[in-house]
Amino acid sequence: MEKLPKINIIYEDNHLLVVEKPINIPTQKDNSNDIDLLSILKQYRKEKEQKKGNVYLGLVHRLDRPVGGIMVFAKTSKAASRLTKQIQNNEFHKTYYATVLGKVKDKDTYKDYLIKDKRKNITTTTNSKEGKLAILNYELIAYKNNLSLVKINLITGRSHQIRVQFSSRNHPLIGDQKYSNTKKIPIALFAKEISFYHPITKEEVTFKLPLPKRYPFDLF
């Protein structure tokens, strides 16, 4: 069996597993058949809890393969169901930081309709309401070297949403090989914080990570 990457476990109890997803690891199995985060964490749980057979781990939200940052997984189906309901009710808040090309406004709200071509794995904006509504808010944190560091509050969780919405306004994310011609480096998008109600205790919980110490985040 291949050696599995070590994952940064941020928090764990009987109901939740909060981790840092590394860049370039798929959240779940895809056509590449590369090792994925869900499988790694199931194996982690199996070994730690000395379970035989399959173990349950509920995937309630995703990050694109090239994107790193904070994620929460459910260790029971009840927790998964309650977290999914929070996402549907917009009670599950995800905060991202990104570095984009050019100077953006101090703050803004982006609203678009997006359509995904599943065969090509590309999302585009459309004037047609046949697309899915995508909304995000952002604020400018810093500006340097014609780059803007932005803090993004994701209202909806569409495929490639942040990447497409900024790229379509001529502010592509640095390192985004799919939606820009910027440098060939890891994409400058990071899931920095999540906040939600604990599915069992109902207490509001927040988990945060520091920004990566790599270009272009290290400019700010």
C-alpha atoms as a PDB file:
ATOM      1  CA  MET A   1       0.000   0.000   0.000  1.00  0.00           C
ATOM      2  CA  GLU A   2       1.313   3.455  -0.915  1.00  0.00           C
ATOM      3  CA  LYS A   3       2.390   5.768   1.895  1.00  0.00           C
ATOM      4  CA  LEU A   4      -0.382   8.289   2.537  1.00  0.00           C
ATOM      5  CA  PRO A   5       0.355  12.005   2.962  1.00  0.00           C
ATOM      6  CA  LYS A   6       0.199  13.284   6.552  1.00  0.00           C
ATOM      7  CA  ILE A   7      -2.780  15.583   7.021  1.00  0.00           C
ATOM      8  CA  ASN A   8      -2.895  18.488   9.483  1.00  0.00           C
ATOM      9  CA  ILE A   9      -5.746  17.656  11.888  1.00  0.00           C
ATOM     10  CA  ILE A  10      -7.082  20.936  13.308  1.00  0.00           C
ATOM     11  CA  TYR A  11      -9.908  19.608  15.472  1.00  0.00           C
ATOM     12  CA  GLU A  12     -11.574  16.293  16.140  1.00  0.00           C
ATOM     13  CA  ASP A  13     -14.367  14.986  18.345  1.00  0.00           C
ATOM     14  CA  ASN A  14     -16.903  12.148  18.071  1.00  0.00           C
ATOM     15  CA  HIS A  15     -18.871  14.015  15.392  1.00  0.00           C
ATOM     16  CA  LEU A  16     -16.469  16.198  13.412  1.00  0.00           C
ATOM     17  CA  LEU A  17     -13.071  16.085  11.761  1.00  0.00           C
ATOM     18  CA  VAL A  18     -11.624  19.478  10.790  1.00  0.00           C
ATOM     19  CA  VAL A  19      -8.490  19.353   8.647  1.00  0.00           C
ATOM     20  CA  GLU A  20      -6.234  21.317   6.334  1.00  0.00           C
ATOM     21  CA  LYS A  21      -6.552  20.075   2.761  1.00  0.00           C
ATOM     22  CA  PRO A  22      -3.180  20.123   0.973  1.00  0.00           C
ATOM     23  CA  ILE A  23      -2.985  21.640  -2.502  1.00  0.00           C
ATOM     24  CA  ASN A  24      -3.202  19.319  -5.524  1.00  0.00           C
ATOM     25  CA  ILE A  25      -4.986  16.513  -3.695  1.00  0.00           C
ATOM     26  CA  PRO A  26      -8.576  15.906  -4.855  1.00  0.00           C
ATOM     27  CA  THR A  27     -11.242  16.174  -2.173  1.00  0.00           C
ATOM     28  CA  GLN A  28     -12.712  12.857  -3.312  1.00  0.00           C
ATOM     29  CA  LYS A  29     -11.982  10.224  -5.960  1.00  0.00           C
ATOM     30  CA  ASP A  30     -11.958  11.565  -9.506  1.00  0.00           C
ATOM     31  CA  ASN A  31     -10.995  10.384 -12.993  1.00  0.00           C
ATOM     32  CA  SER A  32      -7.280  10.749 -12.200  1.00  0.00           C
ATOM     33  CA  ASN A  33      -7.462   7.903  -9.661  1.00  0.00           C
ATOM     34  CA  ASP A  34      -4.916   9.841  -7.580  1.00  0.00           C
ATOM     35  CA  ILE A  35      -5.091   9.451  -3.821  1.00  0.00           C
ATOM     36  CA  ASP A  36      -7.836  11.708  -2.432  1.00  0.00           C
ATOM     37  CA  LEU A  37      -8.418  13.439   0.892  1.00  0.00           C
ATOM     38  CA  LEU A  38     -11.593  11.541   1.782  1.00  0.00           C
ATOM     39  CA  SER A  39      -9.819   8.176   1.369  1.00  0.00           C
ATOM     40  CA  ILE A  40      -6.793   9.384   3.364  1.00  0.00           C
ATOM     41  CA  LEU A  41      -9.009  10.497   6.252  1.00  0.00           C
ATOM     42  CA  LYS A  42     -11.058   7.288   6.224  1.00  0.00           C
ATOM     43  CA  GLN A  43      -7.816   5.351   6.535  1.00  0.00           C
ATOM     44  CA  TYR A  44      -6.671   7.714   9.332  1.00  0.00           C
ATOM     45  CA  ARG A  45      -9.904   7.079  11.201  1.00  0.00           C
ATOM     46  CA  LYS A  46      -9.744   3.338  10.602  1.00  0.00           C
ATOM     47  CA  GLU A  47      -6.235   3.108  12.064  1.00  0.00           C
ATOM     48  CA  LYS A  48      -6.797   5.518  14.957  1.00  0.00           C
ATOM     49  CA  GLU A  49     -10.038   3.895  16.079  1.00  0.00           C
ATOM     50  CA  GLN A  50      -8.860   0.370  15.150  1.00  0.00           C
ATOM     51  CA  LYS A  51     -12.002  -0.260  13.125  1.00  0.00           C
ATOM     52  CA  LYS A  52     -12.461  -3.256  10.867  1.00  0.00           C
ATOM     53  CA  GLY A  53     -14.154  -2.905   7.505  1.00  0.00           C
ATOM     54  CA  ASN A  54     -15.353   0.389   6.081  1.00  0.00           C
ATOM     55  CA  VAL A  55     -15.593   3.552   8.177  1.00  0.00           C
ATOM     56  CA  TYR A  56     -18.039   6.387   7.664  1.00  0.00           C
ATOM     57  CA  LEU A  57     -16.897   9.908   6.828  1.00  0.00           C
ATOM     58  CA  GLY A  58     -19.394  12.373   5.400  1.00  0.00           C
ATOM     59  CA  LEU A  59     -18.292  14.869   2.736  1.00  0.00           C
ATOM     60  CA  VAL A  60     -20.425  18.000   3.178  1.00  0.00           C
ATOM     61  CA  HIS A  61     -18.457  20.547   1.118  1.00  0.00           C
ATOM     62  CA  ARG A  62     -15.546  20.555  -1.327  1.00  0.00           C
ATOM     63  CA  LEU A  63     -12.440  22.412  -2.409  1.00  0.00           C
ATOM     64  CA  ASP A  64     -11.087  22.392  -5.954  1.00  0.00           C
ATOM     65  CA  ARG A  65      -8.083  20.123  -6.403  1.00  0.00           C
ATOM     66  CA  PRO A  66      -5.469  22.939  -6.703  1.00  0.00           C
ATOM     67  CA  VAL A  67      -6.884  24.806  -3.668  1.00  0.00           C
ATOM     68  CA  GLY A  68      -5.724  24.217  -0.100  1.00  0.00           C
ATOM     69  CA  GLY A  69      -7.222  25.173   3.223  1.00  0.00           C
ATOM     70  CA  ILE A  70      -9.691  24.295   5.922  1.00  0.00           C
ATOM     71  CA  MET A  71     -12.402  21.652   5.556  1.00  0.00           C
ATOM     72  CA  VAL A  72     -14.805  19.869   7.881  1.00  0.00           C
ATOM     73  CA  PHE A  73     -15.938  16.249   7.540  1.00  0.00           C
ATOM     74  CA  ALA A  74     -18.760  14.551   9.437  1.00  0.00           C
ATOM     75  CA  LYS A  75     -18.028  11.390  11.420  1.00  0.00           C
ATOM     76  CA  THR A  76     -21.708  10.393  11.644  1.00  0.00           C
ATOM     77  CA  SER A  77     -24.612  10.531   9.211  1.00  0.00           C
ATOM     78  CA  LYS A  78     -26.558  12.689  11.693  1.00  0.00           C
ATOM     79  CA  ALA A  79     -23.740  15.264  11.774  1.00  0.00           C
ATOM     80  CA  ALA A  80     -23.503  15.179   7.973  1.00  0.00           C
ATOM     81  CA  SER A  81     -27.230  15.770   7.575  1.00  0.00           C
ATOM     82  CA  ARG A  82     -27.239  18.711  10.005  1.00  0.00           C
ATOM     83  CA  LEU A  83     -24.165  20.340   8.446  1.00  0.00           C
ATOM     84  CA  THR A  84     -25.673  19.951   4.961  1.00  0.00           C
ATOM     85  CA  LYS A  85     -28.839  21.656   6.187  1.00  0.00           C
ATOM     86  CA  GLN A  86     -26.771  24.557   7.535  1.00  0.00           C
ATOM     87  CA  ILE A  87     -25.111  24.941   4.142  1.00  0.00           C
ATOM     88  CA  GLN A  88     -28.530  25.000   2.465  1.00  0.00           C
ATOM     89  CA  ASN A  89     -29.735  27.625   4.973  1.00  0.00           C
ATOM     90  CA  ASN A  90     -26.586  29.758   4.554  1.00  0.00           C
ATOM     91  CA  GLU A  91     -25.591  29.192   8.197  1.00  0.00           C
ATOM     92  CA  PHE A  92     -22.263  27.585   7.274  1.00  0.00           C
ATOM     93  CA  HIS A  93     -19.759  30.352   6.490  1.00  0.00           C
ATOM     94  CA  LYS A  94     -16.571  29.897   4.459  1.00  0.00           C
ATOM     95  CA  THR A  95     -13.936  32.623   4.249  1.00  0.00           C
ATOM     96  CA  TYR A  96     -11.275  32.521   1.557  1.00  0.00           C
ATOM     97  CA  TYR A  97      -8.248  34.684   0.852  1.00  0.00           C
ATOM     98  CA  ALA A  98      -7.075  35.177  -2.731  1.00  0.00           C
ATOM     99  CA  THR A  99      -4.471  37.217  -4.562  1.00  0.00           C
ATOM    100  CA  VAL A 100      -5.797  38.585  -7.840  1.00  0.00           C
ATOM    101  CA  LEU A 101      -4.295  40.576 -10.676  1.00  0.00           C
ATOM    102  CA  GLY A 102      -4.848  44.348 -10.684  1.00  0.00           C
ATOM    103  CA  LYS A 103      -6.496  46.749  -8.255  1.00  0.00           C
ATOM    104  CA  VAL A 104     -10.022  45.845  -7.159  1.00  0.00           C
ATOM    105  CA  LYS A 105     -12.570  48.048  -5.385  1.00  0.00           C
ATOM    106  CA  ASP A 106     -12.304  48.300  -1.597  1.00  0.00           C
ATOM    107  CA  LYS A 107     -15.317  45.994  -1.341  1.00  0.00           C
ATOM    108  CA  ASP A 108     -17.974  44.628  -3.638  1.00  0.00           C
ATOM    109  CA  THR A 109     -20.573  41.918  -4.180  1.00  0.00           C
ATOM    110  CA  TYR A 110     -20.378  39.733  -7.275  1.00  0.00           C
ATOM    111  CA  LYS A 111     -23.542  38.120  -8.628  1.00  0.00           C
ATOM    112  CA  ASP A 112     -23.459  35.926 -11.727  1.00  0.00           C
ATOM    113  CA  TYR A 113     -25.194  32.979 -13.286  1.00  0.00           C
ATOM    114  CA  LEU A 114     -22.736  30.150 -13.903  1.00  0.00           C
ATOM    115  CA  ILE A 115     -22.879  27.109 -16.161  1.00  0.00           C
ATOM    116  CA  LYS A 116     -20.490  24.180 -15.799  1.00  0.00           C
ATOM    117  CA  ASP A 117     -19.321  22.051 -18.702  1.00  0.00           C
ATOM    118  CA  LYS A 118     -18.783  18.786 -16.834  1.00  0.00           C
ATOM    119  CA  ARG A 119     -17.031  17.141 -19.780  1.00  0.00           C
ATOM    120  CA  LYS A 120     -14.386  19.883 -19.962  1.00  0.00           C
ATOM    121  CA  ASN A 121     -14.555  20.704 -16.211  1.00  0.00           C
ATOM    122  CA  ILE A 122     -14.866  24.418 -17.007  1.00  0.00           C
ATOM    123  CA  THR A 123     -17.364  26.916 -15.575  1.00  0.00           C
ATOM    124  CA  THR A 124     -18.468  30.043 -17.449  1.00  0.00           C
ATOM    125  CA  THR A 125     -20.703  33.021 -16.736  1.00  0.00           C
ATOM    126  CA  THR A 126     -23.935  33.310 -18.656  1.00  0.00           C
ATOM    127  CA  ASN A 127     -26.700  35.881 -19.136  1.00  0.00           C
ATOM    128  CA  SER A 128     -29.204  33.052 -19.026  1.00  0.00           C
ATOM    129  CA  LYS A 129     -30.966  32.236 -15.794  1.00  0.00           C
ATOM    130  CA  GLU A 130     -30.597  28.597 -16.799  1.00  0.00           C
ATOM    131  CA  GLY A 131     -27.274  28.905 -14.986  1.00  0.00           C
ATOM    132  CA  LYS A 132     -26.906  28.661 -11.226  1.00  0.00           C
ATOM    133  CA  LEU A 133     -26.853  31.892  -9.224  1.00  0.00           C
ATOM    134  CA  ALA A 134     -23.421  32.566  -7.708  1.00  0.00           C
ATOM    135  CA  ILE A 135     -22.885  35.241  -5.048  1.00  0.00           C
ATOM    136  CA  LEU A 136     -19.825  36.338  -3.096  1.00  0.00           C
ATOM    137  CA  ASN A 137     -18.787  39.363  -1.070  1.00  0.00           C
ATOM    138  CA  TYR A 138     -15.198  40.504  -0.779  1.00  0.00           C
ATOM    139  CA  GLU A 139     -13.089  43.228   0.785  1.00  0.00           C
ATOM    140  CA  LEU A 140      -9.660  44.437  -0.250  1.00  0.00           C
ATOM    141  CA  ILE A 141      -7.078  43.675   2.447  1.00  0.00           C
ATOM    142  CA  ALA A 142      -3.916  44.980   0.757  1.00  0.00           C
ATOM    143  CA  TYR A 143      -2.586  46.115  -2.638  1.00  0.00           C
ATOM    144  CA  LYS A 144       1.019  45.756  -3.797  1.00  0.00           C
ATOM    145  CA  ASN A 145       2.908  45.184  -7.087  1.00  0.00           C
ATOM    146  CA  ASN A 146      -0.369  45.359  -9.065  1.00  0.00           C
ATOM    147  CA  LEU A 147      -1.747  42.529  -6.934  1.00  0.00           C
ATOM    148  CA  SER A 148      -4.767  42.674  -4.629  1.00  0.00           C
ATOM    149  CA  LEU A 149      -5.131  40.502  -1.535  1.00  0.00           C
ATOM    150  CA  VAL A 150      -8.842  39.981  -0.968  1.00  0.00           C
ATOM    151  CA  LYS A 151     -10.918  38.401   1.784  1.00  0.00           C
ATOM    152  CA  ILE A 152     -13.902  36.565   0.299  1.00  0.00           C
ATOM    153  CA  ASN A 153     -17.144  35.543   1.963  1.00  0.00           C
ATOM    154  CA  LEU A 154     -18.701  32.859  -0.204  1.00  0.00           C
ATOM    155  CA  ILE A 155     -22.508  33.052  -0.164  1.00  0.00           C
ATOM    156  CA  THR A 156     -23.059  30.209  -2.653  1.00  0.00           C
ATOM    157  CA  GLY A 157     -20.714  27.306  -3.320  1.00  0.00           C
ATOM    158  CA  ARG A 158     -20.638  26.818  -7.089  1.00  0.00           C
ATOM    159  CA  SER A 159     -17.936  24.904  -8.911  1.00  0.00           C
ATOM    160  CA  HIS A 160     -14.880  27.152  -9.552  1.00  0.00           C
ATOM    161  CA  GLN A 161     -17.034  30.100  -8.439  1.00  0.00           C
ATOM    162  CA  ILE A 162     -14.379  32.429  -6.999  1.00  0.00           C
ATOM    163  CA  ARG A 163     -11.988  31.725  -9.853  1.00  0.00           C
ATOM    164  CA  VAL A 164     -14.573  32.408 -12.559  1.00  0.00           C
ATOM    165  CA  GLN A 165     -16.180  35.464 -10.973  1.00  0.00           C
ATOM    166  CA  PHE A 166     -12.873  37.308 -10.541  1.00  0.00           C
ATOM    167  CA  SER A 167     -11.473  36.170 -13.900  1.00  0.00           C
ATOM    168  CA  SER A 168     -14.603  37.367 -15.731  1.00  0.00           C
ATOM    169  CA  ARG A 169     -13.943  40.864 -14.328  1.00  0.00           C
ATOM    170  CA  ASN A 170     -10.319  40.861 -15.536  1.00  0.00           C
ATOM    171  CA  HIS A 171      -8.956  40.155 -12.051  1.00  0.00           C
ATOM    172  CA  PRO A 172      -7.855  36.515 -12.435  1.00  0.00           C
ATOM    173  CA  LEU A 173      -6.373  34.652  -9.495  1.00  0.00           C
ATOM    174  CA  ILE A 174      -2.586  34.403  -9.592  1.00  0.00           C
ATOM    175  CA  GLY A 175      -1.515  30.880 -10.510  1.00  0.00           C
ATOM    176  CA  ASP A 176      -4.912  29.825 -11.840  1.00  0.00           C
ATOM    177  CA  GLN A 177      -3.958  27.695 -14.849  1.00  0.00           C
ATOM    178  CA  LYS A 178      -7.563  27.116 -15.924  1.00  0.00           C
ATOM    179  CA  TYR A 179      -8.914  30.675 -15.986  1.00  0.00           C
ATOM    180  CA  SER A 180      -5.850  32.900 -16.474  1.00  0.00           C
ATOM    181  CA  ASN A 181      -2.418  33.196 -18.049  1.00  0.00           C
ATOM    182  CA  THR A 182      -0.647  34.125 -14.810  1.00  0.00           C
ATOM    183  CA  LYS A 183       2.494  32.467 -13.453  1.00  0.00           C
ATOM    184  CA  LYS A 184       2.674  28.678 -13.238  1.00  0.00           C
ATOM    185  CA  ILE A 185       2.653  28.510  -9.457  1.00  0.00           C
ATOM    186  CA  PRO A 186       0.155  27.052  -6.951  1.00  0.00           C
ATOM    187  CA  ILE A 187      -3.114  28.960  -7.194  1.00  0.00           C
ATOM    188  CA  ALA A 188      -3.347  31.954  -4.838  1.00  0.00           C
ATOM    189  CA  LEU A 189      -6.618  30.858  -3.255  1.00  0.00           C
ATOM    190  CA  PHE A 190      -6.834  29.564   0.299  1.00  0.00           C
ATOM    191  CA  ALA A 191      -9.751  28.449   2.468  1.00  0.00           C
ATOM    192  CA  LYS A 192      -8.748  30.278   5.632  1.00  0.00           C
ATOM    193  CA  GLU A 193     -11.748  30.035   7.941  1.00  0.00           C
ATOM    194  CA  ILE A 194     -15.032  28.207   8.492  1.00  0.00           C
ATOM    195  CA  SER A 195     -17.789  28.949  10.960  1.00  0.00           C
ATOM    196  CA  PHE A 196     -20.884  26.865  11.686  1.00  0.00           C
ATOM    197  CA  TYR A 197     -23.059  25.485  14.484  1.00  0.00           C
ATOM    198  CA  HIS A 198     -21.789  22.250  15.984  1.00  0.00           C
ATOM    199  CA  PRO A 199     -24.263  19.616  14.764  1.00  0.00           C
ATOM    200  CA  ILE A 200     -24.745  18.136  18.251  1.00  0.00           C
ATOM    201  CA  THR A 201     -24.024  20.858  20.835  1.00  0.00           C
ATOM    202  CA  LYS A 202     -25.508  23.629  18.602  1.00  0.00           C
ATOM    203  CA  GLU A 203     -22.674  25.891  19.777  1.00  0.00           C
ATOM    204  CA  GLU A 204     -21.246  28.215  17.118  1.00  0.00           C
ATOM    205  CA  VAL A 205     -17.680  27.153  16.302  1.00  0.00           C
ATOM    206  CA  THR A 206     -15.009  28.835  14.176  1.00  0.00           C
ATOM    207  CA  PHE A 207     -11.768  27.355  12.876  1.00  0.00           C
ATOM    208  CA  LYS A 208      -8.966  29.351  11.257  1.00  0.00           C
ATOM    209  CA  LEU A 209      -5.629  28.795   9.546  1.00  0.00           C
ATOM    210  CA  PRO A 210      -2.764  31.226   8.897  1.00  0.00           C
ATOM    211  CA  LEU A 211      -2.117  32.206   5.288  1.00  0.00           C
ATOM    212  CA  PRO A 212       0.435  30.021   3.485  1.00  0.00           C
ATOM    213  CA  LYS A 213       4.043  31.230   3.575  1.00  0.00           C
ATOM    214  CA  ARG A 214       4.436  31.172  -0.195  1.00  0.00           C
ATOM    215  CA  TYR A 215       4.208  33.574  -3.125  1.00  0.00           C
ATOM    216  CA  PRO A 216       2.154  35.686  -3.595  1.00  0.00           C
ATOM    217  CA  PHE A 217       0.637  35.564  -0.084  1.00  0.00           C
ATOM    218  CA  ASP A 218       4.057  36.275   1.431  1.00  0.00           C
ATOM    219  CA  LEU A 219       4.120  39.707  -0.256  1.00  0.00           C
ATOM    220  CA  PHE A 220       1.529  41.077   2.165  1.00  0.00           C
END
